Amino acid sequence: MNKILVIDDDLVICNLLEKFLSKNGYEVKTAYSSATAFAIIEQENFDIVLTDFRLDNTDGKKILKKVKEKSPSTQVIIITGYSDVKIAVDVMKHGAFDYITKPFSMEELQVRSKA
């Protein structure tokens, strides 16, 4: 079973992702703030981390860096409501597995996380 960490300050997005991914056989943890996310990342390893790019007092690039330092094999998928090619290229250069803009379909997410 794949372990997934979902990081987003939007509770609705976190809850939807958690329900969908759990129903599809994933073990899911959620974090609604960067502080919680960093604490969870320190304690556990995940197969996949889905993180919003814009968070309360940090961004997806810092989350990506922390995840990759601790677990280089973890796939990090950046999700964002702001489509920006420069950001997408930058996070991909720093090891992001993918970059998805909101709104996205759950099926799209599932296909991308299995690639």
PDB file of N, CA and C in Angstrom:
ATOM      1  N   MET A   1       0.837  -1.182   0.000  1.00  0.00           N
ATOM      2  CA  MET A   1       0.000   0.000   0.000  1.00  0.00           C
ATOM      3  C   MET A   1       0.884   1.248   0.000  1.00  0.00           C
ATOM      4  N   ASN A   2       0.586   2.173  -0.889  1.00  0.00           N
ATOM      5  CA  ASN A   2       1.343   3.410  -0.956  1.00  0.00           C
ATOM      6  C   ASN A   2       0.887   4.383   0.118  1.00  0.00           C
ATOM      7  N   LYS A   3       1.865   5.043   0.756  1.00  0.00           N
ATOM      8  CA  LYS A   3       1.569   6.072   1.749  1.00  0.00           C
ATOM      9  C   LYS A   3       1.661   7.433   1.072  1.00  0.00           C
ATOM     10  N   ILE A   4       0.617   8.232   1.265  1.00  0.00           N
ATOM     11  CA  ILE A   4       0.550   9.552   0.656  1.00  0.00           C
ATOM     12  C   ILE A   4       0.327  10.598   1.734  1.00  0.00           C
ATOM     13  N   LEU A   5       1.058  11.694   1.636  1.00  0.00           N
ATOM     14  CA  LEU A   5       0.840  12.858   2.485  1.00  0.00           C
ATOM     15  C   LEU A   5       0.246  13.951   1.614  1.00  0.00           C
ATOM     16  N   VAL A   6      -0.898  14.480   2.034  1.00  0.00           N
ATOM     17  CA  VAL A   6      -1.561  15.576   1.328  1.00  0.00           C
ATOM     18  C   VAL A   6      -1.387  16.837   2.169  1.00  0.00           C
ATOM     19  N   ILE A   7      -0.825  17.879   1.553  1.00  0.00           N
ATOM     20  CA  ILE A   7      -0.590  19.143   2.252  1.00  0.00           C
ATOM     21  C   ILE A   7      -1.322  20.257   1.509  1.00  0.00           C
ATOM     22  N   ASP A   8      -2.312  20.837   2.160  1.00  0.00           N
ATOM     23  CA  ASP A   8      -3.053  21.947   1.557  1.00  0.00           C
ATOM     24  C   ASP A   8      -3.766  22.690   2.668  1.00  0.00           C
ATOM     25  N   ASP A   9      -3.746  24.017   2.627  1.00  0.00           N
ATOM     26  CA  ASP A   9      -4.444  24.786   3.650  1.00  0.00           C
ATOM     27  C   ASP A   9      -5.941  24.889   3.375  1.00  0.00           C
ATOM     28  N   ASP A  10      -6.391  24.339   2.264  1.00  0.00           N
ATOM     29  CA  ASP A  10      -7.811  24.267   1.928  1.00  0.00           C
ATOM     30  C   ASP A  10      -8.354  22.935   2.456  1.00  0.00           C
ATOM     31  N   LEU A  11      -9.138  23.001   3.524  1.00  0.00           N
ATOM     32  CA  LEU A  11      -9.644  21.788   4.163  1.00  0.00           C
ATOM     33  C   LEU A  11     -10.495  20.947   3.226  1.00  0.00           C
ATOM     34  N   VAL A  12     -11.252  21.594   2.358  1.00  0.00           N
ATOM     35  CA  VAL A  12     -12.107  20.861   1.418  1.00  0.00           C
ATOM     36  C   VAL A  12     -11.254  20.016   0.475  1.00  0.00           C
ATOM     37  N   ILE A  13     -10.198  20.603  -0.075  1.00  0.00           N
ATOM     38  CA  ILE A  13      -9.300  19.860  -0.973  1.00  0.00           C
ATOM     39  C   ILE A  13      -8.680  18.680  -0.229  1.00  0.00           C
ATOM     40  N   CYS A  14      -8.170  18.926   0.966  1.00  0.00           N
ATOM     41  CA  CYS A  14      -7.559  17.842   1.759  1.00  0.00           C
ATOM     42  C   CYS A  14      -8.543  16.715   2.004  1.00  0.00           C
ATOM     43  N   ASN A  15      -9.747  17.051   2.410  1.00  0.00           N
ATOM     44  CA  ASN A  15     -10.743  16.028   2.700  1.00  0.00           C
ATOM     45  C   ASN A  15     -11.152  15.248   1.458  1.00  0.00           C
ATOM     46  N   LEU A  16     -11.338  15.949   0.346  1.00  0.00           N
ATOM     47  CA  LEU A  16     -11.683  15.262  -0.907  1.00  0.00           C
ATOM     48  C   LEU A  16     -10.573  14.307  -1.337  1.00  0.00           C
ATOM     49  N   LEU A  17      -9.338  14.782  -1.299  1.00  0.00           N
ATOM     50  CA  LEU A  17      -8.207  13.940  -1.683  1.00  0.00           C
ATOM     51  C   LEU A  17      -8.070  12.749  -0.742  1.00  0.00           C
ATOM     52  N   GLU A  18      -8.225  12.990   0.553  1.00  0.00           N
ATOM     53  CA  GLU A  18      -8.099  11.905   1.521  1.00  0.00           C
ATOM     54  C   GLU A  18      -9.161  10.819   1.272  1.00  0.00           C
ATOM     55  N   LYS A  19     -10.408  11.225   1.068  1.00  0.00           N
ATOM     56  CA  LYS A  19     -11.478  10.257   0.815  1.00  0.00           C
ATOM     57  C   LYS A  19     -11.239   9.482  -0.476  1.00  0.00           C
ATOM     58  N   PHE A  20     -10.918  10.198  -1.544  1.00  0.00           N
ATOM     59  CA  PHE A  20     -10.708   9.550  -2.836  1.00  0.00           C
ATOM     60  C   PHE A  20      -9.524   8.585  -2.786  1.00  0.00           C
ATOM     61  N   LEU A  21      -8.406   9.030  -2.265  1.00  0.00           N
ATOM     62  CA  LEU A  21      -7.203   8.196  -2.242  1.00  0.00           C
ATOM     63  C   LEU A  21      -7.358   7.007  -1.294  1.00  0.00           C
ATOM     64  N   SER A  22      -7.990   7.208  -0.148  1.00  0.00           N
ATOM     65  CA  SER A  22      -8.228   6.104   0.791  1.00  0.00           C
ATOM     66  C   SER A  22      -9.120   5.047   0.151  1.00  0.00           C
ATOM     67  N   LYS A  23     -10.149   5.509  -0.541  1.00  0.00           N
ATOM     68  CA  LYS A  23     -11.074   4.599  -1.209  1.00  0.00           C
ATOM     69  C   LYS A  23     -10.358   3.779  -2.295  1.00  0.00           C
ATOM     70  N   ASN A  24      -9.273   4.332  -2.822  1.00  0.00           N
ATOM     71  CA  ASN A  24      -8.512   3.657  -3.876  1.00  0.00           C
ATOM     72  C   ASN A  24      -7.293   2.908  -3.341  1.00  0.00           C
ATOM     73  N   GLY A  25      -7.278   2.638  -2.049  1.00  0.00           N
ATOM     74  CA  GLY A  25      -6.273   1.754  -1.484  1.00  0.00           C
ATOM     75  C   GLY A  25      -5.012   2.400  -0.943  1.00  0.00           C
ATOM     76  N   TYR A  26      -4.984   3.718  -0.853  1.00  0.00           N
ATOM     77  CA  TYR A  26      -3.805   4.394  -0.338  1.00  0.00           C
ATOM     78  C   TYR A  26      -3.959   4.672   1.156  1.00  0.00           C
ATOM     79  N   GLU A  27      -2.850   4.669   1.865  1.00  0.00           N
ATOM     80  CA  GLU A  27      -2.829   5.118   3.257  1.00  0.00           C
ATOM     81  C   GLU A  27      -2.521   6.610   3.207  1.00  0.00           C
ATOM     82  N   VAL A  28      -3.429   7.432   3.728  1.00  0.00           N
ATOM     83  CA  VAL A  28      -3.341   8.877   3.545  1.00  0.00           C
ATOM     84  C   VAL A  28      -3.240   9.611   4.885  1.00  0.00           C
ATOM     85  N   LYS A  29      -2.323  10.570   4.939  1.00  0.00           N
ATOM     86  CA  LYS A  29      -2.242  11.529   6.049  1.00  0.00           C
ATOM     87  C   LYS A  29      -2.435  12.906   5.443  1.00  0.00           C
ATOM     88  N   THR A  30      -2.983  13.828   6.245  1.00  0.00           N
ATOM     89  CA  THR A  30      -3.185  15.185   5.757  1.00  0.00           C
ATOM     90  C   THR A  30      -2.539  16.190   6.700  1.00  0.00           C
ATOM     91  N   ALA A  31      -2.137  17.305   6.127  1.00  0.00           N
ATOM     92  CA  ALA A  31      -1.595  18.433   6.893  1.00  0.00           C
ATOM     93  C   ALA A  31      -2.211  19.703   6.324  1.00  0.00           C
ATOM     94  N   TYR A  32      -2.770  20.513   7.219  1.00  0.00           N
ATOM     95  CA  TYR A  32      -3.426  21.749   6.796  1.00  0.00           C
ATOM     96  C   TYR A  32      -2.517  22.968   6.927  1.00  0.00           C
ATOM     97  N   SER A  33      -1.322  22.771   7.468  1.00  0.00           N
ATOM     98  CA  SER A  33      -0.381  23.886   7.617  1.00  0.00           C
ATOM     99  C   SER A  33       1.028  23.383   7.349  1.00  0.00           C
ATOM    100  N   SER A  34       1.919  24.315   7.053  1.00  0.00           N
ATOM    101  CA  SER A  34       3.307  23.936   6.789  1.00  0.00           C
ATOM    102  C   SER A  34       3.977  23.394   8.047  1.00  0.00           C
ATOM    103  N   ALA A  35       3.646  23.947   9.221  1.00  0.00           N
ATOM    104  CA  ALA A  35       4.253  23.462  10.464  1.00  0.00           C
ATOM    105  C   ALA A  35       3.903  21.999  10.701  1.00  0.00           C
ATOM    106  N   THR A  36       2.645  21.657  10.508  1.00  0.00           N
ATOM    107  CA  THR A  36       2.216  20.266  10.657  1.00  0.00           C
ATOM    108  C   THR A  36       2.891  19.395   9.609  1.00  0.00           C
ATOM    109  N   ALA A  37       2.959  19.881   8.388  1.00  0.00           N
ATOM    110  CA  ALA A  37       3.581  19.121   7.301  1.00  0.00           C
ATOM    111  C   ALA A  37       5.045  18.811   7.611  1.00  0.00           C
ATOM    112  N   PHE A  38       5.797  19.820   8.047  1.00  0.00           N
ATOM    113  CA  PHE A  38       7.208  19.600   8.362  1.00  0.00           C
ATOM    114  C   PHE A  38       7.370  18.599   9.503  1.00  0.00           C
ATOM    115  N   ALA A  39       6.494  18.660  10.505  1.00  0.00           N
ATOM    116  CA  ALA A  39       6.562  17.715  11.626  1.00  0.00           C
ATOM    117  C   ALA A  39       6.295  16.286  11.153  1.00  0.00           C
ATOM    118  N   ILE A  40       5.298  16.117  10.298  1.00  0.00           N
ATOM    119  CA  ILE A  40       4.969  14.775   9.777  1.00  0.00           C
ATOM    120  C   ILE A  40       6.112  14.249   8.916  1.00  0.00           C
ATOM    121  N   ILE A  41       6.678  15.112   8.079  1.00  0.00           N
ATOM    122  CA  ILE A  41       7.778  14.705   7.188  1.00  0.00           C
ATOM    123  C   ILE A  41       8.984  14.243   8.007  1.00  0.00           C
ATOM    124  N   GLU A  42       9.228  14.883   9.138  1.00  0.00           N
ATOM    125  CA  GLU A  42      10.340  14.479  10.009  1.00  0.00           C
ATOM    126  C   GLU A  42      10.118  13.091  10.600  1.00  0.00           C
ATOM    127  N   GLN A  43       8.876  12.735  10.867  1.00  0.00           N
ATOM    128  CA  GLN A  43       8.562  11.487  11.559  1.00  0.00           C
ATOM    129  C   GLN A  43       8.353  10.290  10.638  1.00  0.00           C
ATOM    130  N   GLU A  44       7.909  10.531   9.407  1.00  0.00           N
ATOM    131  CA  GLU A  44       7.529   9.424   8.535  1.00  0.00           C
ATOM    132  C   GLU A  44       8.046   9.627   7.121  1.00  0.00           C
ATOM    133  N   ASN A  45       8.159   8.504   6.404  1.00  0.00           N
ATOM    134  CA  ASN A  45       8.457   8.544   4.977  1.00  0.00           C
ATOM    135  C   ASN A  45       7.188   8.233   4.204  1.00  0.00           C
ATOM    136  N   PHE A  46       7.065   8.816   3.041  1.00  0.00           N
ATOM    137  CA  PHE A  46       5.901   8.622   2.185  1.00  0.00           C
ATOM    138  C   PHE A  46       6.357   8.242   0.780  1.00  0.00           C
ATOM    139  N   ASP A  47       5.493   7.527   0.084  1.00  0.00           N
ATOM    140  CA  ASP A  47       5.766   7.211  -1.311  1.00  0.00           C
ATOM    141  C   ASP A  47       5.492   8.428  -2.189  1.00  0.00           C
ATOM    142  N   ILE A  48       4.423   9.156  -1.822  1.00  0.00           N
ATOM    143  CA  ILE A  48       4.005  10.326  -2.594  1.00  0.00           C
ATOM    144  C   ILE A  48       3.633  11.446  -1.631  1.00  0.00           C
ATOM    145  N   VAL A  49       4.031  12.669  -1.975  1.00  0.00           N
ATOM    146  CA  VAL A  49       3.588  13.856  -1.255  1.00  0.00           C
ATOM    147  C   VAL A  49       2.902  14.764  -2.266  1.00  0.00           C
ATOM    148  N   LEU A  50       1.650  15.088  -1.979  1.00  0.00           N
ATOM    149  CA  LEU A  50       0.894  16.050  -2.791  1.00  0.00           C
ATOM    150  C   LEU A  50       0.853  17.336  -1.990  1.00  0.00           C
ATOM    151  N   THR A  51       1.422  18.392  -2.507  1.00  0.00           N
ATOM    152  CA  THR A  51       1.446  19.641  -1.751  1.00  0.00           C
ATOM    153  C   THR A  51       1.017  20.829  -2.597  1.00  0.00           C
ATOM    154  N   ASP A  52       0.214  21.665  -1.980  1.00  0.00           N
ATOM    155  CA  ASP A  52      -0.150  22.929  -2.604  1.00  0.00           C
ATOM    156  C   ASP A  52       1.127  23.762  -2.698  1.00  0.00           C
ATOM    157  N   PHE A  53       1.227  24.593  -3.722  1.00  0.00           N
ATOM    158  CA  PHE A  53       2.437  25.409  -3.849  1.00  0.00           C
ATOM    159  C   PHE A  53       2.429  26.565  -2.854  1.00  0.00           C
ATOM    160  N   ARG A  54       1.276  27.199  -2.679  1.00  0.00           N
ATOM    161  CA  ARG A  54       1.193  28.357  -1.776  1.00  0.00           C
ATOM    162  C   ARG A  54       0.553  27.924  -0.466  1.00  0.00           C
ATOM    163  N   LEU A  55       1.352  27.962   0.577  1.00  0.00           N
ATOM    164  CA  LEU A  55       0.891  27.581   1.906  1.00  0.00           C
ATOM    165  C   LEU A  55       1.001  28.765   2.856  1.00  0.00           C
ATOM    166  N   ASP A  56       0.569  28.565   4.096  1.00  0.00           N
ATOM    167  CA  ASP A  56       0.508  29.648   5.069  1.00  0.00           C
ATOM    168  C   ASP A  56       1.786  30.472   5.183  1.00  0.00           C
ATOM    169  N   ASN A  57       2.900  29.872   5.536  1.00  0.00           N
ATOM    170  CA  ASN A  57       4.129  30.669   5.670  1.00  0.00           C
ATOM    171  C   ASN A  57       5.313  30.027   4.960  1.00  0.00           C
ATOM    172  N   THR A  58       5.014  29.256   3.930  1.00  0.00           N
ATOM    173  CA  THR A  58       6.073  28.661   3.113  1.00  0.00           C
ATOM    174  C   THR A  58       5.504  28.375   1.726  1.00  0.00           C
ATOM    175  N   ASP A  59       6.275  27.660   0.932  1.00  0.00           N
ATOM    176  CA  ASP A  59       5.764  27.278  -0.382  1.00  0.00           C
ATOM    177  C   ASP A  59       6.149  25.838  -0.705  1.00  0.00           C
ATOM    178  N   GLY A  60       5.597  25.360  -1.790  1.00  0.00           N
ATOM    179  CA  GLY A  60       5.818  23.976  -2.191  1.00  0.00           C
ATOM    180  C   GLY A  60       7.275  23.651  -2.463  1.00  0.00           C
ATOM    181  N   LYS A  61       8.053  24.636  -2.869  1.00  0.00           N
ATOM    182  CA  LYS A  61       9.469  24.392  -3.138  1.00  0.00           C
ATOM    183  C   LYS A  61      10.219  24.032  -1.851  1.00  0.00           C
ATOM    184  N   LYS A  62       9.876  24.690  -0.745  1.00  0.00           N
ATOM    185  CA  LYS A  62      10.518  24.371   0.537  1.00  0.00           C
ATOM    186  C   LYS A  62      10.066  23.002   1.047  1.00  0.00           C
ATOM    187  N   ILE A  63       8.806  22.682   0.830  1.00  0.00           N
ATOM    188  CA  ILE A  63       8.299  21.355   1.189  1.00  0.00           C
ATOM    189  C   ILE A  63       9.044  20.302   0.360  1.00  0.00           C
ATOM    190  N   LEU A  64       9.152  20.549  -0.943  1.00  0.00           N
ATOM    191  CA  LEU A  64       9.856  19.644  -1.851  1.00  0.00           C
ATOM    192  C   LEU A  64      11.287  19.409  -1.374  1.00  0.00           C
ATOM    193  N   LYS A  65      11.984  20.472  -1.025  1.00  0.00           N
ATOM    194  CA  LYS A  65      13.379  20.362  -0.576  1.00  0.00           C
ATOM    195  C   LYS A  65      13.478  19.498   0.682  1.00  0.00           C
ATOM    196  N   LYS A  66      12.585  19.731   1.645  1.00  0.00           N
ATOM    197  CA  LYS A  66      12.604  18.978   2.898  1.00  0.00           C
ATOM    198  C   LYS A  66      12.314  17.493   2.645  1.00  0.00           C
ATOM    199  N   VAL A  67      11.331  17.208   1.817  1.00  0.00           N
ATOM    200  CA  VAL A  67      10.989  15.816   1.511  1.00  0.00           C
ATOM    201  C   VAL A  67      12.162  15.125   0.837  1.00  0.00           C
ATOM    202  N   LYS A  68      12.774  15.764  -0.140  1.00  0.00           N
ATOM    203  CA  LYS A  68      13.876  15.156  -0.896  1.00  0.00           C
ATOM    204  C   LYS A  68      15.121  14.955  -0.027  1.00  0.00           C
ATOM    205  N   GLU A  69      15.354  15.844   0.941  1.00  0.00           N
ATOM    206  CA  GLU A  69      16.484  15.667   1.859  1.00  0.00           C
ATOM    207  C   GLU A  69      16.290  14.410   2.700  1.00  0.00           C
ATOM    208  N   LYS A  70      15.084  14.177   3.146  1.00  0.00           N
ATOM    209  CA  LYS A  70      14.789  13.051   4.031  1.00  0.00           C
ATOM    210  C   LYS A  70      14.571  11.750   3.273  1.00  0.00           C
ATOM    211  N   SER A  71      13.911  11.833   2.126  1.00  0.00           N
ATOM    212  CA  SER A  71      13.553  10.632   1.374  1.00  0.00           C
ATOM    213  C   SER A  71      13.618  10.918  -0.121  1.00  0.00           C
ATOM    214  N   PRO A  72      14.810  10.804  -0.717  1.00  0.00           N
ATOM    215  CA  PRO A  72      14.996  11.156  -2.128  1.00  0.00           C
ATOM    216  C   PRO A  72      14.080  10.412  -3.106  1.00  0.00           C
ATOM    217  N   SER A  73      13.610   9.232  -2.729  1.00  0.00           N
ATOM    218  CA  SER A  73      12.779   8.461  -3.654  1.00  0.00           C
ATOM    219  C   SER A  73      11.303   8.847  -3.616  1.00  0.00           C
ATOM    220  N   THR A  74      10.910   9.686  -2.675  1.00  0.00           N
ATOM    221  CA  THR A  74       9.516  10.107  -2.586  1.00  0.00           C
ATOM    222  C   THR A  74       9.146  10.968  -3.788  1.00  0.00           C
ATOM    223  N   GLN A  75       8.000  10.658  -4.403  1.00  0.00           N
ATOM    224  CA  GLN A  75       7.487  11.465  -5.502  1.00  0.00           C
ATOM    225  C   GLN A  75       6.737  12.649  -4.909  1.00  0.00           C
ATOM    226  N   VAL A  76       7.112  13.852  -5.316  1.00  0.00           N
ATOM    227  CA  VAL A  76       6.433  15.055  -4.851  1.00  0.00           C
ATOM    228  C   VAL A  76       5.685  15.651  -6.029  1.00  0.00           C
ATOM    229  N   ILE A  77       4.378  15.808  -5.845  1.00  0.00           N
ATOM    230  CA  ILE A  77       3.533  16.417  -6.872  1.00  0.00           C
ATOM    231  C   ILE A  77       3.041  17.752  -6.319  1.00  0.00           C
ATOM    232  N   ILE A  78       3.356  18.820  -7.041  1.00  0.00           N
ATOM    233  CA  ILE A  78       2.942  20.160  -6.650  1.00  0.00           C
ATOM    234  C   ILE A  78       1.581  20.428  -7.270  1.00  0.00           C
ATOM    235  N   ILE A  79       0.626  20.872  -6.432  1.00  0.00           N
ATOM    236  CA  ILE A  79      -0.690  21.259  -6.942  1.00  0.00           C
ATOM    237  C   ILE A  79      -0.891  22.741  -6.650  1.00  0.00           C
ATOM    238  N   THR A  80      -1.449  23.452  -7.601  1.00  0.00           N
ATOM    239  CA  THR A  80      -1.600  24.896  -7.416  1.00  0.00           C
ATOM    240  C   THR A  80      -2.748  25.451  -8.237  1.00  0.00           C
ATOM    241  N   GLY A  81      -3.308  26.515  -7.724  1.00  0.00           N
ATOM    242  CA  GLY A  81      -4.349  27.230  -8.450  1.00  0.00           C
ATOM    243  C   GLY A  81      -3.770  28.290  -9.371  1.00  0.00           C
ATOM    244  N   TYR A  82      -2.465  28.453  -9.346  1.00  0.00           N
ATOM    245  CA  TYR A  82      -1.799  29.481 -10.143  1.00  0.00           C
ATOM    246  C   TYR A  82      -0.876  28.826 -11.160  1.00  0.00           C
ATOM    247  N   SER A  83      -1.312  28.806 -12.395  1.00  0.00           N
ATOM    248  CA  SER A  83      -0.499  28.192 -13.438  1.00  0.00           C
ATOM    249  C   SER A  83       0.626  29.148 -13.821  1.00  0.00           C
ATOM    250  N   ASP A  84       1.845  28.746 -13.538  1.00  0.00           N
ATOM    251  CA  ASP A  84       3.012  29.579 -13.817  1.00  0.00           C
ATOM    252  C   ASP A  84       4.122  28.679 -14.346  1.00  0.00           C
ATOM    253  N   VAL A  85       4.460  28.855 -15.604  1.00  0.00           N
ATOM    254  CA  VAL A  85       5.451  28.000 -16.251  1.00  0.00           C
ATOM    255  C   VAL A  85       6.806  28.085 -15.548  1.00  0.00           C
ATOM    256  N   LYS A  86       7.211  29.284 -15.111  1.00  0.00           N
ATOM    257  CA  LYS A  86       8.504  29.438 -14.436  1.00  0.00           C
ATOM    258  C   LYS A  86       8.549  28.612 -13.156  1.00  0.00           C
ATOM    259  N   ILE A  87       7.473  28.660 -12.375  1.00  0.00           N
ATOM    260  CA  ILE A  87       7.425  27.876 -11.136  1.00  0.00           C
ATOM    261  C   ILE A  87       7.450  26.385 -11.460  1.00  0.00           C
ATOM    262  N   ALA A  88       6.668  25.997 -12.453  1.00  0.00           N
ATOM    263  CA  ALA A  88       6.623  24.582 -12.835  1.00  0.00           C
ATOM    264  C   ALA A  88       8.003  24.074 -13.222  1.00  0.00           C
ATOM    265  N   VAL A  89       8.702  24.818 -14.055  1.00  0.00           N
ATOM    266  CA  VAL A  89      10.043  24.417 -14.493  1.00  0.00           C
ATOM    267  C   VAL A  89      10.995  24.379 -13.305  1.00  0.00           C
ATOM    268  N   ASP A  90      10.905  25.375 -12.434  1.00  0.00           N
ATOM    269  CA  ASP A  90      11.791  25.440 -11.269  1.00  0.00           C
ATOM    270  C   ASP A  90      11.600  24.245 -10.346  1.00  0.00           C
ATOM    271  N   VAL A  91      10.355  23.922 -10.004  1.00  0.00           N
ATOM    272  CA  VAL A  91      10.145  22.805  -9.077  1.00  0.00           C
ATOM    273  C   VAL A  91      10.497  21.463  -9.726  1.00  0.00           C
ATOM    274  N   MET A  92      10.303  21.354 -11.023  1.00  0.00           N
ATOM    275  CA  MET A  92      10.687  20.122 -11.708  1.00  0.00           C
ATOM    276  C   MET A  92      12.218  19.968 -11.698  1.00  0.00           C
ATOM    277  N   LYS A  93      12.929  21.068 -11.873  1.00  0.00           N
ATOM    278  CA  LYS A  93      14.398  21.028 -11.805  1.00  0.00           C
ATOM    279  C   LYS A  93      14.882  20.615 -10.423  1.00  0.00           C
ATOM    280  N   HIS A  94      14.104  20.937  -9.401  1.00  0.00           N
ATOM    281  CA  HIS A  94      14.483  20.608  -8.024  1.00  0.00           C
ATOM    282  C   HIS A  94      13.940  19.259  -7.566  1.00  0.00           C
ATOM    283  N   GLY A  95      13.398  18.495  -8.498  1.00  0.00           N
ATOM    284  CA  GLY A  95      13.023  17.126  -8.164  1.00  0.00           C
ATOM    285  C   GLY A  95      11.557  16.813  -8.050  1.00  0.00           C
ATOM    286  N   ALA A  96      10.679  17.772  -8.332  1.00  0.00           N
ATOM    287  CA  ALA A  96       9.248  17.460  -8.296  1.00  0.00           C
ATOM    288  C   ALA A  96       8.934  16.425  -9.373  1.00  0.00           C
ATOM    289  N   PHE A  97       8.046  15.511  -9.045  1.00  0.00           N
ATOM    290  CA  PHE A  97       7.635  14.478  -9.986  1.00  0.00           C
ATOM    291  C   PHE A  97       6.667  15.043 -11.015  1.00  0.00           C
ATOM    292  N   ASP A  98       5.805  15.963 -10.579  1.00  0.00           N
ATOM    293  CA  ASP A  98       4.816  16.551 -11.483  1.00  0.00           C
ATOM    294  C   ASP A  98       4.312  17.859 -10.894  1.00  0.00           C
ATOM    295  N   TYR A  99       3.572  18.602 -11.712  1.00  0.00           N
ATOM    296  CA  TYR A  99       3.015  19.903 -11.358  1.00  0.00           C
ATOM    297  C   TYR A  99       1.619  19.940 -11.955  1.00  0.00           C
ATOM    298  N   ILE A 100       0.604  20.036 -11.103  1.00  0.00           N
ATOM    299  CA  ILE A 100      -0.781  19.976 -11.560  1.00  0.00           C
ATOM    300  C   ILE A 100      -1.492  21.254 -11.147  1.00  0.00           C
ATOM    301  N   THR A 101      -2.243  21.843 -12.087  1.00  0.00           N
ATOM    302  CA  THR A 101      -2.993  23.048 -11.753  1.00  0.00           C
ATOM    303  C   THR A 101      -4.430  22.692 -11.372  1.00  0.00           C
ATOM    304  N   LYS A 102      -4.944  23.445 -10.413  1.00  0.00           N
ATOM    305  CA  LYS A 102      -6.337  23.296  -9.993  1.00  0.00           C
ATOM    306  C   LYS A 102      -7.216  24.057 -10.979  1.00  0.00           C
ATOM    307  N   PRO A 103      -8.405  23.622 -11.235  1.00  0.00           N
ATOM    308  CA  PRO A 103      -8.991  22.376 -10.752  1.00  0.00           C
ATOM    309  C   PRO A 103      -8.471  21.195 -11.565  1.00  0.00           C
ATOM    310  N   PHE A 104      -8.367  20.056 -10.921  1.00  0.00           N
ATOM    311  CA  PHE A 104      -7.950  18.836 -11.608  1.00  0.00           C
ATOM    312  C   PHE A 104      -8.944  17.746 -11.246  1.00  0.00           C
ATOM    313  N   SER A 105      -9.002  16.730 -12.078  1.00  0.00           N
ATOM    314  CA  SER A 105      -9.907  15.615 -11.780  1.00  0.00           C
ATOM    315  C   SER A 105      -9.159  14.591 -10.934  1.00  0.00           C
ATOM    316  N   MET A 106      -9.889  13.867 -10.142  1.00  0.00           N
ATOM    317  CA  MET A 106      -9.287  12.835  -9.308  1.00  0.00           C
ATOM    318  C   MET A 106      -8.651  11.752 -10.179  1.00  0.00           C
ATOM    319  N   GLU A 107      -9.270  11.471 -11.307  1.00  0.00           N
ATOM    320  CA  GLU A 107      -8.710  10.472 -12.213  1.00  0.00           C
ATOM    321  C   GLU A 107      -7.375  10.928 -12.780  1.00  0.00           C
ATOM    322  N   GLU A 108      -7.274  12.214 -13.109  1.00  0.00           N
ATOM    323  CA  GLU A 108      -6.004  12.771 -13.602  1.00  0.00           C
ATOM    324  C   GLU A 108      -4.918  12.614 -12.545  1.00  0.00           C
ATOM    325  N   LEU A 109      -5.253  12.911 -11.317  1.00  0.00           N
ATOM    326  CA  LEU A 109      -4.302  12.782 -10.226  1.00  0.00           C
ATOM    327  C   LEU A 109      -3.865  11.333 -10.056  1.00  0.00           C
ATOM    328  N   GLN A 110      -4.820  10.419 -10.121  1.00  0.00           N
ATOM    329  CA  GLN A 110      -4.495   9.004  -9.945  1.00  0.00           C
ATOM    330  C   GLN A 110      -3.569   8.514 -11.055  1.00  0.00           C
ATOM    331  N   VAL A 111      -3.825   8.921 -12.280  1.00  0.00           N
ATOM    332  CA  VAL A 111      -2.965   8.517 -13.414  1.00  0.00           C
ATOM    333  C   VAL A 111      -1.568   9.098 -13.238  1.00  0.00           C
ATOM    334  N   ARG A 112      -1.467  10.360 -12.865  1.00  0.00           N
ATOM    335  CA  ARG A 112      -0.159  10.999 -12.716  1.00  0.00           C
ATOM    336  C   ARG A 112       0.639  10.426 -11.562  1.00  0.00           C
ATOM    337  N   SER A 113      -0.027  10.030 -10.491  1.00  0.00           N
ATOM    338  CA  SER A 113       0.709   9.503  -9.339  1.00  0.00           C
ATOM    339  C   SER A 113       1.201   8.087  -9.575  1.00  0.00           C
ATOM    340  N   LYS A 114       0.684   7.418 -10.615  1.00  0.00           N
ATOM    341  CA  LYS A 114       1.131   6.067 -10.929  1.00  0.00           C
ATOM    342  C   LYS A 114       2.182   6.036 -12.028  1.00  0.00           C
ATOM    343  N   ALA A 115       2.444   7.167 -12.657  1.00  0.00           N
ATOM    344  CA  ALA A 115       3.354   7.215 -13.819  1.00  0.00           C
ATOM    345  C   ALA A 115       4.719   6.692 -13.509  1.00  0.00           C
TER     346      ALA A 115
END
